[in-house]
Amino acid sequence: MIQAQTEAATTVVDVDELLSRCLGNLEFAERIIAIFQARCSTDLEQLEEAIDQQDLQRVAAVAHRLKGACANAAAHPLCERISQLRQAACANALDDVTARFQEVQDEWAHFVAAVPELQWKTDG
């Protein structure tokens, strides 16, 4: 059985799902998380810029791309927040987009804080 070392880390990433996708390869899973983290940081900057410009079409497009990346990295809580942001953007609800973006940023901060704890080990 494969487990993350801390419970906090497992709340941001479904470790078993990610490792299953990586065929149990721990190094590959760690690379996926590192690549995802770098890409997500860039996408969040683009989201903020699009929101500042009130470009909800761009917000929806970036959120759609980011949602897929979150799903691939098994970062389900972040994926859910981004999905809600995308829905608000598609509904042209700028105030809701702003509120949802704050939730995304909060979840992102939680993710970033927990990632260092994702030092996986194999039991058994």
C-alpha atoms as a PDB file:
ATOM      1  CA  MET A   1       0.000   0.000   0.000  1.00  0.00           C
ATOM      2  CA  ILE A   2       1.271   3.483  -0.834  1.00  0.00           C
ATOM      3  CA  GLN A   3       0.686   6.362   1.585  1.00  0.00           C
ATOM      4  CA  ALA A   4       1.626  10.009   1.937  1.00  0.00           C
ATOM      5  CA  GLN A   5       3.434  10.835   5.150  1.00  0.00           C
ATOM      6  CA  THR A   6       0.905  13.373   6.394  1.00  0.00           C
ATOM      7  CA  GLU A   7      -2.848  13.604   6.318  1.00  0.00           C
ATOM      8  CA  ALA A   8      -2.675  17.285   5.273  1.00  0.00           C
ATOM      9  CA  ALA A   9      -0.905  16.318   2.073  1.00  0.00           C
ATOM     10  CA  THR A  10      -3.534  13.754   1.174  1.00  0.00           C
ATOM     11  CA  THR A  11      -6.257  16.397   1.381  1.00  0.00           C
ATOM     12  CA  VAL A  12      -4.806  18.257  -1.611  1.00  0.00           C
ATOM     13  CA  VAL A  13      -3.904  15.289  -3.819  1.00  0.00           C
ATOM     14  CA  ASP A  14      -5.486  11.867  -4.134  1.00  0.00           C
ATOM     15  CA  VAL A  15      -2.185  10.051  -3.765  1.00  0.00           C
ATOM     16  CA  ASP A  16      -3.523   6.614  -4.664  1.00  0.00           C
ATOM     17  CA  GLU A  17      -5.161   7.925  -7.839  1.00  0.00           C
ATOM     18  CA  LEU A  18      -2.060   9.823  -8.927  1.00  0.00           C
ATOM     19  CA  LEU A  19       0.220   6.868  -8.281  1.00  0.00           C
ATOM     20  CA  SER A  20      -2.166   4.605 -10.147  1.00  0.00           C
ATOM     21  CA  ARG A  21      -1.935   6.924 -13.157  1.00  0.00           C
ATOM     22  CA  CYS A  22       1.837   6.845 -12.820  1.00  0.00           C
ATOM     23  CA  LEU A  23       1.824   3.039 -12.627  1.00  0.00           C
ATOM     24  CA  GLY A  24       3.246   3.211  -9.113  1.00  0.00           C
ATOM     25  CA  ASN A  25       6.320   5.156 -10.223  1.00  0.00           C
ATOM     26  CA  LEU A  26       7.022   7.536  -7.328  1.00  0.00           C
ATOM     27  CA  GLU A  27       9.592   9.614  -9.199  1.00  0.00           C
ATOM     28  CA  PHE A  28       7.173  10.145 -12.074  1.00  0.00           C
ATOM     29  CA  ALA A  29       4.393  11.163  -9.676  1.00  0.00           C
ATOM     30  CA  GLU A  30       6.709  13.679  -8.035  1.00  0.00           C
ATOM     31  CA  ARG A  31       7.621  15.095 -11.462  1.00  0.00           C
ATOM     32  CA  ILE A  32       3.931  15.371 -12.360  1.00  0.00           C
ATOM     33  CA  ILE A  33       3.293  17.367  -9.182  1.00  0.00           C
ATOM     34  CA  ALA A  34       6.317  19.619  -9.814  1.00  0.00           C
ATOM     35  CA  ILE A  35       5.267  20.316 -13.407  1.00  0.00           C
ATOM     36  CA  PHE A  36       1.677  20.879 -12.329  1.00  0.00           C
ATOM     37  CA  GLN A  37       2.757  23.270  -9.594  1.00  0.00           C
ATOM     38  CA  ALA A  38       4.842  25.369 -11.997  1.00  0.00           C
ATOM     39  CA  ARG A  39       2.112  25.439 -14.642  1.00  0.00           C
ATOM     40  CA  CYS A  40      -0.623  26.215 -12.143  1.00  0.00           C
ATOM     41  CA  SER A  41       1.311  29.172 -10.786  1.00  0.00           C
ATOM     42  CA  THR A  42       1.534  30.640 -14.293  1.00  0.00           C
ATOM     43  CA  ASP A  43      -2.140  29.954 -15.007  1.00  0.00           C
ATOM     44  CA  LEU A  44      -3.196  31.626 -11.753  1.00  0.00           C
ATOM     45  CA  GLU A  45      -1.286  34.746 -12.781  1.00  0.00           C
ATOM     46  CA  GLN A  46      -3.108  34.673 -16.125  1.00  0.00           C
ATOM     47  CA  LEU A  47      -6.444  34.256 -14.347  1.00  0.00           C
ATOM     48  CA  GLU A  48      -5.758  37.237 -12.128  1.00  0.00           C
ATOM     49  CA  GLU A  49      -4.806  39.350 -15.134  1.00  0.00           C
ATOM     50  CA  ALA A  50      -7.942  38.313 -17.022  1.00  0.00           C
ATOM     51  CA  ILE A  51     -10.119  39.101 -13.995  1.00  0.00           C
ATOM     52  CA  ASP A  52      -8.460  42.506 -13.621  1.00  0.00           C
ATOM     53  CA  GLN A  53      -9.287  43.142 -17.285  1.00  0.00           C
ATOM     54  CA  GLN A  54     -12.823  41.802 -16.782  1.00  0.00           C
ATOM     55  CA  ASP A  55     -12.195  39.370 -19.644  1.00  0.00           C
ATOM     56  CA  LEU A  56     -14.529  36.589 -18.545  1.00  0.00           C
ATOM     57  CA  GLN A  57     -14.101  34.649 -21.780  1.00  0.00           C
ATOM     58  CA  ARG A  58     -10.376  34.411 -21.094  1.00  0.00           C
ATOM     59  CA  VAL A  59     -11.058  33.548 -17.432  1.00  0.00           C
ATOM     60  CA  ALA A  60     -13.253  30.663 -18.592  1.00  0.00           C
ATOM     61  CA  ALA A  61     -10.627  29.460 -21.080  1.00  0.00           C
ATOM     62  CA  VAL A  62      -7.742  29.525 -18.606  1.00  0.00           C
ATOM     63  CA  ALA A  63      -9.907  27.950 -15.899  1.00  0.00           C
ATOM     64  CA  HIS A  64     -10.900  25.173 -18.298  1.00  0.00           C
ATOM     65  CA  ARG A  65      -7.253  24.384 -19.041  1.00  0.00           C
ATOM     66  CA  LEU A  66      -6.345  24.567 -15.364  1.00  0.00           C
ATOM     67  CA  LYS A  67      -9.238  22.331 -14.358  1.00  0.00           C
ATOM     68  CA  GLY A  68      -7.915  19.629 -16.674  1.00  0.00           C
ATOM     69  CA  ALA A  69      -4.420  19.948 -15.243  1.00  0.00           C
ATOM     70  CA  CYS A  70      -5.807  19.666 -11.702  1.00  0.00           C
ATOM     71  CA  ALA A  71      -7.739  16.546 -12.642  1.00  0.00           C
ATOM     72  CA  ASN A  72      -4.621  14.985 -14.178  1.00  0.00           C
ATOM     73  CA  ALA A  73      -2.641  15.717 -11.002  1.00  0.00           C
ATOM     74  CA  ALA A  74      -5.490  14.330  -8.848  1.00  0.00           C
ATOM     75  CA  ALA A  75      -5.722  17.703  -7.086  1.00  0.00           C
ATOM     76  CA  HIS A  76      -9.473  17.387  -6.620  1.00  0.00           C
ATOM     77  CA  PRO A  77     -10.183  20.174  -4.093  1.00  0.00           C
ATOM     78  CA  LEU A  78      -8.385  22.685  -6.319  1.00  0.00           C
ATOM     79  CA  CYS A  79     -10.148  21.241  -9.362  1.00  0.00           C
ATOM     80  CA  GLU A  80     -13.527  21.811  -7.707  1.00  0.00           C
ATOM     81  CA  ARG A  81     -12.734  25.448  -6.863  1.00  0.00           C
ATOM     82  CA  ILE A  82     -11.540  26.119 -10.394  1.00  0.00           C
ATOM     83  CA  SER A  83     -14.635  24.462 -11.832  1.00  0.00           C
ATOM     84  CA  GLN A  84     -16.778  26.846  -9.767  1.00  0.00           C
ATOM     85  CA  LEU A  85     -14.714  29.783 -11.034  1.00  0.00           C
ATOM     86  CA  ARG A  86     -15.167  28.649 -14.619  1.00  0.00           C
ATOM     87  CA  GLN A  87     -18.925  28.289 -14.144  1.00  0.00           C
ATOM     88  CA  ALA A  88     -19.129  31.838 -12.771  1.00  0.00           C
ATOM     89  CA  ALA A  89     -17.115  33.146 -15.727  1.00  0.00           C
ATOM     90  CA  CYS A  90     -19.346  31.314 -18.213  1.00  0.00           C
ATOM     91  CA  ALA A  91     -22.364  32.889 -16.490  1.00  0.00           C
ATOM     92  CA  ASN A  92     -20.783  36.355 -16.887  1.00  0.00           C
ATOM     93  CA  ALA A  93     -20.968  36.882 -13.122  1.00  0.00           C
ATOM     94  CA  LEU A  94     -17.963  39.130 -12.470  1.00  0.00           C
ATOM     95  CA  ASP A  95     -18.633  39.547  -8.737  1.00  0.00           C
ATOM     96  CA  ASP A  96     -18.935  35.780  -8.350  1.00  0.00           C
ATOM     97  CA  VAL A  97     -15.768  35.292 -10.413  1.00  0.00           C
ATOM     98  CA  THR A  98     -13.881  37.572  -8.042  1.00  0.00           C
ATOM     99  CA  ALA A  99     -15.156  35.688  -4.986  1.00  0.00           C
ATOM    100  CA  ARG A 100     -14.444  32.301  -6.560  1.00  0.00           C
ATOM    101  CA  PHE A 101     -10.942  33.399  -7.513  1.00  0.00           C
ATOM    102  CA  GLN A 102     -10.251  34.180  -3.855  1.00  0.00           C
ATOM    103  CA  GLU A 103     -11.365  30.640  -2.997  1.00  0.00           C
ATOM    104  CA  VAL A 104      -9.041  29.282  -5.697  1.00  0.00           C
ATOM    105  CA  GLN A 105      -6.163  31.301  -4.267  1.00  0.00           C
ATOM    106  CA  ASP A 106      -6.902  30.004  -0.767  1.00  0.00           C
ATOM    107  CA  GLU A 107      -6.997  26.403  -1.991  1.00  0.00           C
ATOM    108  CA  TRP A 108      -3.793  26.992  -3.986  1.00  0.00           C
ATOM    109  CA  ALA A 109      -2.050  28.250  -0.824  1.00  0.00           C
ATOM    110  CA  HIS A 110      -3.219  25.105   0.971  1.00  0.00           C
ATOM    111  CA  PHE A 111      -1.893  22.970  -1.901  1.00  0.00           C
ATOM    112  CA  VAL A 112       1.500  24.707  -1.952  1.00  0.00           C
ATOM    113  CA  ALA A 113       1.852  24.345   1.814  1.00  0.00           C
ATOM    114  CA  ALA A 114       1.014  20.630   1.698  1.00  0.00           C
ATOM    115  CA  VAL A 115       3.108  19.588  -1.316  1.00  0.00           C
ATOM    116  CA  PRO A 116       6.403  19.365   0.594  1.00  0.00           C
ATOM    117  CA  GLU A 117       4.746  16.713   2.754  1.00  0.00           C
ATOM    118  CA  LEU A 118       4.122  14.524  -0.292  1.00  0.00           C
ATOM    119  CA  GLN A 119       7.144  12.366   0.372  1.00  0.00           C
ATOM    120  CA  TRP A 120       5.666   9.052  -0.611  1.00  0.00           C
ATOM    121  CA  LYS A 121       6.722   5.695   0.627  1.00  0.00           C
ATOM    122  CA  THR A 122       5.659   2.166  -0.101  1.00  0.00           C
ATOM    123  CA  ASP A 123       4.356   0.036   2.764  1.00  0.00           C
ATOM    124  CA  GLY A 124       4.171  -3.667   2.731  1.00  0.00           C
END
